[in-house]
């Protein structure tokens, strides 16, 4: 179970990132996607997706770093950012079935949404 202090830290980092654009604060959320705590991963994912277009560079970074790909690839689709489509395509034939499915799901979600950015 996630400690209240850890949860508060994620919300504080989210607020700092969204208010100031500080990449270091945004990376706290990206790094939380790799946490062994499923609650931390879930909170970080929700906060990143709720930030919309602003989180596209951070989600792209997480994909490039291979952080929790099953979650991160679906998040890329949830964002509706067409610029992430090539990153999703790279994983469609991944040897890990969970990663390949997440990439396919992300692409399907992306195709069903209006774009949240100009690409």
C-alpha atoms as a PDB file:
ATOM      1  CA  UNK A   1       0.000   0.000   0.000  1.00  0.00           C
ATOM      2  CA  UNK A   2       1.284   3.450  -0.902  1.00  0.00           C
ATOM      3  CA  UNK A   3       2.135   5.735   1.967  1.00  0.00           C
ATOM      4  CA  UNK A   4       0.230   9.018   2.161  1.00  0.00           C
ATOM      5  CA  UNK A   5       3.561  10.848   2.010  1.00  0.00           C
ATOM      6  CA  UNK A   6       4.474   9.161  -1.309  1.00  0.00           C
ATOM      7  CA  UNK A   7       1.032   9.963  -2.747  1.00  0.00           C
ATOM      8  CA  UNK A   8       1.317  13.575  -1.606  1.00  0.00           C
ATOM      9  CA  UNK A   9       4.745  13.770  -3.232  1.00  0.00           C
ATOM     10  CA  UNK A  10       3.262  12.736  -6.579  1.00  0.00           C
ATOM     11  CA  UNK A  11       0.509  15.336  -6.329  1.00  0.00           C
ATOM     12  CA  UNK A  12       3.018  18.029  -5.355  1.00  0.00           C
ATOM     13  CA  UNK A  13       5.304  17.085  -8.258  1.00  0.00           C
ATOM     14  CA  UNK A  14       2.308  17.168 -10.592  1.00  0.00           C
ATOM     15  CA  UNK A  15       1.295  20.625  -9.389  1.00  0.00           C
ATOM     16  CA  UNK A  16       4.844  21.955  -9.683  1.00  0.00           C
ATOM     17  CA  UNK A  17       5.233  20.524 -13.188  1.00  0.00           C
ATOM     18  CA  UNK A  18       1.874  21.792 -14.433  1.00  0.00           C
ATOM     19  CA  UNK A  19       2.318  25.266 -12.920  1.00  0.00           C
ATOM     20  CA  UNK A  20       5.966  25.866 -13.757  1.00  0.00           C
ATOM     21  CA  UNK A  21       6.741  23.408 -16.550  1.00  0.00           C
ATOM     22  CA  UNK A  22       9.741  22.145 -14.548  1.00  0.00           C
ATOM     23  CA  UNK A  23      10.876  18.981 -16.308  1.00  0.00           C
ATOM     24  CA  UNK A  24      12.414  17.619 -13.122  1.00  0.00           C
ATOM     25  CA  UNK A  25       8.979  17.671 -11.474  1.00  0.00           C
ATOM     26  CA  UNK A  26       7.424  15.969 -14.501  1.00  0.00           C
ATOM     27  CA  UNK A  27      10.108  13.297 -14.395  1.00  0.00           C
ATOM     28  CA  UNK A  28       8.999  12.426 -10.869  1.00  0.00           C
ATOM     29  CA  UNK A  29       5.755  11.237 -12.466  1.00  0.00           C
ATOM     30  CA  UNK A  30       7.593   9.406 -15.261  1.00  0.00           C
ATOM     31  CA  UNK A  31       9.818   7.648 -12.739  1.00  0.00           C
ATOM     32  CA  UNK A  32       6.773   6.703 -10.658  1.00  0.00           C
ATOM     33  CA  UNK A  33       5.515   4.722 -13.662  1.00  0.00           C
ATOM     34  CA  UNK A  34       8.389   2.309 -12.910  1.00  0.00           C
ATOM     35  CA  UNK A  35       7.558   2.041  -9.209  1.00  0.00           C
ATOM     36  CA  UNK A  36       7.057  -1.412  -7.707  1.00  0.00           C
ATOM     37  CA  UNK A  37       3.948   0.062  -6.070  1.00  0.00           C
ATOM     38  CA  UNK A  38       0.927  -0.331  -8.365  1.00  0.00           C
ATOM     39  CA  UNK A  39      -0.819   2.611  -6.688  1.00  0.00           C
ATOM     40  CA  UNK A  40       2.102   4.915  -7.513  1.00  0.00           C
ATOM     41  CA  UNK A  41       2.045   3.725 -11.137  1.00  0.00           C
ATOM     42  CA  UNK A  42      -1.697   4.257 -11.377  1.00  0.00           C
ATOM     43  CA  UNK A  43      -1.640   7.737  -9.824  1.00  0.00           C
ATOM     44  CA  UNK A  44       1.270   8.833 -12.030  1.00  0.00           C
ATOM     45  CA  UNK A  45      -0.490   7.534 -15.140  1.00  0.00           C
ATOM     46  CA  UNK A  46      -3.733   9.274 -14.302  1.00  0.00           C
ATOM     47  CA  UNK A  47      -1.981  12.566 -13.606  1.00  0.00           C
ATOM     48  CA  UNK A  48      -0.015  12.401 -16.855  1.00  0.00           C
ATOM     49  CA  UNK A  49      -3.056  11.571 -18.984  1.00  0.00           C
ATOM     50  CA  UNK A  50      -5.157  14.266 -17.303  1.00  0.00           C
ATOM     51  CA  UNK A  51      -2.456  16.807 -18.207  1.00  0.00           C
ATOM     52  CA  UNK A  52      -3.165  16.129 -21.886  1.00  0.00           C
ATOM     53  CA  UNK A  53      -0.916  17.681 -24.500  1.00  0.00           C
ATOM     54  CA  UNK A  54       1.559  18.939 -21.906  1.00  0.00           C
ATOM     55  CA  UNK A  55       2.511  15.367 -21.002  1.00  0.00           C
ATOM     56  CA  UNK A  56       3.291  14.190 -24.554  1.00  0.00           C
ATOM     57  CA  UNK A  57       7.071  14.790 -24.240  1.00  0.00           C
ATOM     58  CA  UNK A  58       7.149  12.984 -20.886  1.00  0.00           C
ATOM     59  CA  UNK A  59       5.185   9.995 -22.174  1.00  0.00           C
ATOM     60  CA  UNK A  60       7.448   9.867 -25.219  1.00  0.00           C
ATOM     61  CA  UNK A  61      10.454   9.883 -22.879  1.00  0.00           C
ATOM     62  CA  UNK A  62       8.946   7.054 -20.825  1.00  0.00           C
ATOM     63  CA  UNK A  63       8.408   4.989 -23.990  1.00  0.00           C
ATOM     64  CA  UNK A  64      11.941   5.653 -25.197  1.00  0.00           C
ATOM     65  CA  UNK A  65      13.308   4.636 -21.791  1.00  0.00           C
ATOM     66  CA  UNK A  66      11.155   1.482 -21.820  1.00  0.00           C
ATOM     67  CA  UNK A  67       9.386   2.415 -18.597  1.00  0.00           C
ATOM     68  CA  UNK A  68       6.397   0.198 -17.846  1.00  0.00           C
ATOM     69  CA  UNK A  69       5.571  -0.198 -21.527  1.00  0.00           C
ATOM     70  CA  UNK A  70       2.225  -1.989 -21.068  1.00  0.00           C
ATOM     71  CA  UNK A  71       0.859   1.058 -19.218  1.00  0.00           C
ATOM     72  CA  UNK A  72       2.810   3.751 -21.024  1.00  0.00           C
ATOM     73  CA  UNK A  73       1.841   2.618 -24.533  1.00  0.00           C
ATOM     74  CA  UNK A  74      -1.861   2.686 -23.678  1.00  0.00           C
ATOM     75  CA  UNK A  75      -1.398   6.120 -22.096  1.00  0.00           C
ATOM     76  CA  UNK A  76       0.111   7.316 -25.391  1.00  0.00           C
ATOM     77  CA  UNK A  77      -3.126   6.375 -27.122  1.00  0.00           C
ATOM     78  CA  UNK A  78      -5.219   8.009 -24.408  1.00  0.00           C
ATOM     79  CA  UNK A  79      -3.439  11.306 -25.046  1.00  0.00           C
ATOM     80  CA  UNK A  80      -4.628  11.398 -28.650  1.00  0.00           C
ATOM     81  CA  UNK A  81      -1.223  12.707 -29.775  1.00  0.00           C
ATOM     82  CA  UNK A  82      -0.590  11.648 -33.357  1.00  0.00           C
ATOM     83  CA  UNK A  83       3.116  12.381 -32.851  1.00  0.00           C
ATOM     84  CA  UNK A  84       3.282   9.295 -30.613  1.00  0.00           C
ATOM     85  CA  UNK A  85       1.929   6.963 -33.306  1.00  0.00           C
ATOM     86  CA  UNK A  86       5.399   5.991 -34.654  1.00  0.00           C
ATOM     87  CA  UNK A  87       6.490   5.145 -31.112  1.00  0.00           C
ATOM     88  CA  UNK A  88       3.486   2.868 -30.724  1.00  0.00           C
ATOM     89  CA  UNK A  89       4.087   1.238 -34.121  1.00  0.00           C
ATOM     90  CA  UNK A  90       7.587   0.160 -33.026  1.00  0.00           C
ATOM     91  CA  UNK A  91       6.114  -2.138 -30.383  1.00  0.00           C
ATOM     92  CA  UNK A  92       3.270  -3.827 -32.277  1.00  0.00           C
ATOM     93  CA  UNK A  93       5.409  -6.916 -32.935  1.00  0.00           C
ATOM     94  CA  UNK A  94       7.268  -6.870 -29.629  1.00  0.00           C
ATOM     95  CA  UNK A  95       8.224 -10.330 -28.297  1.00  0.00           C
ATOM     96  CA  UNK A  96       6.475  -9.630 -24.989  1.00  0.00           C
ATOM     97  CA  UNK A  97       2.772 -10.221 -25.683  1.00  0.00           C
ATOM     98  CA  UNK A  98       1.714  -7.661 -23.040  1.00  0.00           C
ATOM     99  CA  UNK A  99       3.801  -4.963 -24.721  1.00  0.00           C
ATOM    100  CA  UNK A 100       2.574  -5.879 -28.222  1.00  0.00           C
ATOM    101  CA  UNK A 101      -1.050  -5.836 -27.018  1.00  0.00           C
ATOM    102  CA  UNK A 102      -0.555  -2.469 -25.275  1.00  0.00           C
ATOM    103  CA  UNK A 103       0.903  -1.008 -28.483  1.00  0.00           C
ATOM    104  CA  UNK A 104      -2.045  -2.297 -30.522  1.00  0.00           C
ATOM    105  CA  UNK A 105      -4.496  -1.030 -27.915  1.00  0.00           C
ATOM    106  CA  UNK A 106      -2.752   2.359 -27.845  1.00  0.00           C
ATOM    107  CA  UNK A 107      -2.987   2.619 -31.634  1.00  0.00           C
ATOM    108  CA  UNK A 108      -6.669   1.647 -31.577  1.00  0.00           C
ATOM    109  CA  UNK A 109      -7.412   4.230 -28.872  1.00  0.00           C
ATOM    110  CA  UNK A 110      -5.393   6.867 -30.726  1.00  0.00           C
ATOM    111  CA  UNK A 111      -7.293   6.215 -33.966  1.00  0.00           C
ATOM    112  CA  UNK A 112     -10.627   6.602 -32.192  1.00  0.00           C
ATOM    113  CA  UNK A 113      -9.847  10.002 -30.678  1.00  0.00           C
ATOM    114  CA  UNK A 114      -9.667  13.497 -32.032  1.00  0.00           C
ATOM    115  CA  UNK A 115      -6.097  14.751 -31.926  1.00  0.00           C
ATOM    116  CA  UNK A 116      -5.133  16.789 -28.868  1.00  0.00           C
ATOM    117  CA  UNK A 117      -2.268  18.452 -30.689  1.00  0.00           C
ATOM    118  CA  UNK A 118      -1.377  19.822 -34.055  1.00  0.00           C
ATOM    119  CA  UNK A 119       0.883  17.405 -35.946  1.00  0.00           C
END
